[in-house]
Amino acid sequence: MNLKELITFQTIVREGTFAKAADKLHYAQSTITSQIQRVEKEMGVQLFRRNWEAELTDAGRLFA
């Protein structure tokens, strides 16, 4: 996990969606998704429930 991935996580939490976080960080949405998937794989937990909104899971709330 690196600083960019942590900033991405925080931005998703603040903005509420992966798309808004991508716009805010000037990344493609696929980059945001890839970064979060790497963090989730490294931690062994799912951080978000992916719907229209990015809803934190229990593990995501603890991580936040």
C-alpha atoms as a PDB file:
ATOM      1  CA  MET A   1       0.000   0.000   0.000  1.00  0.00           C
ATOM      2  CA  ASN A   2       1.344   3.410  -0.875  1.00  0.00           C
ATOM      3  CA  LEU A   3       0.446   7.028  -0.188  1.00  0.00           C
ATOM      4  CA  LYS A   4      -1.429   7.454  -3.489  1.00  0.00           C
ATOM      5  CA  GLU A   5      -3.691   4.534  -2.613  1.00  0.00           C
ATOM      6  CA  LEU A   6      -4.388   5.976   0.835  1.00  0.00           C
ATOM      7  CA  ILE A   7      -5.210   9.371  -0.660  1.00  0.00           C
ATOM      8  CA  THR A   8      -7.500   7.642  -3.157  1.00  0.00           C
ATOM      9  CA  PHE A   9      -9.301   5.807  -0.337  1.00  0.00           C
ATOM     10  CA  GLN A  10      -9.800   9.032   1.623  1.00  0.00           C
ATOM     11  CA  THR A  11     -11.041  10.851  -1.475  1.00  0.00           C
ATOM     12  CA  ILE A  12     -13.613   8.148  -2.237  1.00  0.00           C
ATOM     13  CA  VAL A  13     -14.869   8.347   1.350  1.00  0.00           C
ATOM     14  CA  ARG A  14     -15.118  12.149   1.133  1.00  0.00           C
ATOM     15  CA  GLU A  15     -16.630  12.338  -2.360  1.00  0.00           C
ATOM     16  CA  GLY A  16     -18.954   9.347  -2.015  1.00  0.00           C
ATOM     17  CA  THR A  17     -18.305   7.686  -5.383  1.00  0.00           C
ATOM     18  CA  PHE A  18     -15.376   6.310  -7.343  1.00  0.00           C
ATOM     19  CA  ALA A  19     -16.284   8.575 -10.284  1.00  0.00           C
ATOM     20  CA  LYS A  20     -16.247  11.763  -8.197  1.00  0.00           C
ATOM     21  CA  ALA A  21     -12.959  10.719  -6.606  1.00  0.00           C
ATOM     22  CA  ALA A  22     -11.489  10.126 -10.066  1.00  0.00           C
ATOM     23  CA  ASP A  23     -12.565  13.610 -11.172  1.00  0.00           C
ATOM     24  CA  LYS A  24     -11.174  15.194  -8.013  1.00  0.00           C
ATOM     25  CA  LEU A  25      -7.808  13.416  -8.331  1.00  0.00           C
ATOM     26  CA  HIS A  26      -7.636  13.777 -12.139  1.00  0.00           C
ATOM     27  CA  TYR A  27      -7.402   9.990 -12.600  1.00  0.00           C
ATOM     28  CA  ALA A  28      -9.348   7.636 -14.830  1.00  0.00           C
ATOM     29  CA  GLN A  29     -12.034   5.778 -12.899  1.00  0.00           C
ATOM     30  CA  SER A  30     -10.280   2.512 -13.784  1.00  0.00           C
ATOM     31  CA  THR A  31      -7.165   3.786 -11.974  1.00  0.00           C
ATOM     32  CA  ILE A  32      -9.213   4.452  -8.842  1.00  0.00           C
ATOM     33  CA  THR A  33     -10.753   0.987  -9.021  1.00  0.00           C
ATOM     34  CA  SER A  34      -7.356  -0.670  -9.542  1.00  0.00           C
ATOM     35  CA  GLN A  35      -5.818   1.156  -6.596  1.00  0.00           C
ATOM     36  CA  ILE A  36      -8.636   0.144  -4.250  1.00  0.00           C
ATOM     37  CA  GLN A  37      -8.552  -3.447  -5.493  1.00  0.00           C
ATOM     38  CA  ARG A  38      -4.811  -3.599  -4.694  1.00  0.00           C
ATOM     39  CA  VAL A  39      -5.431  -2.283  -1.165  1.00  0.00           C
ATOM     40  CA  GLU A  40      -8.298  -4.735  -0.648  1.00  0.00           C
ATOM     41  CA  LYS A  41      -6.165  -7.629  -1.906  1.00  0.00           C
ATOM     42  CA  GLU A  42      -3.266  -6.643   0.350  1.00  0.00           C
ATOM     43  CA  MET A  43      -5.526  -6.315   3.391  1.00  0.00           C
ATOM     44  CA  GLY A  44      -7.644  -9.349   2.566  1.00  0.00           C
ATOM     45  CA  VAL A  45     -10.936  -7.495   3.058  1.00  0.00           C
ATOM     46  CA  GLN A  46     -13.456  -5.619   0.943  1.00  0.00           C
ATOM     47  CA  LEU A  47     -13.488  -1.917   1.849  1.00  0.00           C
ATOM     48  CA  PHE A  48     -16.474  -0.753  -0.227  1.00  0.00           C
ATOM     49  CA  ARG A  49     -19.829  -2.054  -1.375  1.00  0.00           C
ATOM     50  CA  ARG A  50     -19.930  -0.869  -4.941  1.00  0.00           C
ATOM     51  CA  ASN A  51     -23.309   0.511  -6.015  1.00  0.00           C
ATOM     52  CA  TRP A  52     -24.042   4.000  -7.364  1.00  0.00           C
ATOM     53  CA  GLU A  53     -22.476   5.210  -4.129  1.00  0.00           C
ATOM     54  CA  ALA A  54     -19.306   3.772  -2.608  1.00  0.00           C
ATOM     55  CA  GLU A  55     -20.598   2.500   0.724  1.00  0.00           C
ATOM     56  CA  LEU A  56     -18.004   1.481   3.300  1.00  0.00           C
ATOM     57  CA  THR A  57     -18.124  -2.058   4.629  1.00  0.00           C
ATOM     58  CA  ASP A  58     -17.514  -2.667   8.340  1.00  0.00           C
ATOM     59  CA  ALA A  59     -13.838  -3.281   7.509  1.00  0.00           C
ATOM     60  CA  GLY A  60     -13.783  -0.083   5.457  1.00  0.00           C
ATOM     61  CA  ARG A  61     -15.150   1.920   8.374  1.00  0.00           C
ATOM     62  CA  LEU A  62     -12.454   0.505  10.660  1.00  0.00           C
ATOM     63  CA  PHE A  63      -9.774   1.322   8.090  1.00  0.00           C
ATOM     64  CA  ALA A  64     -11.136   4.846   7.658  1.00  0.00           C
END
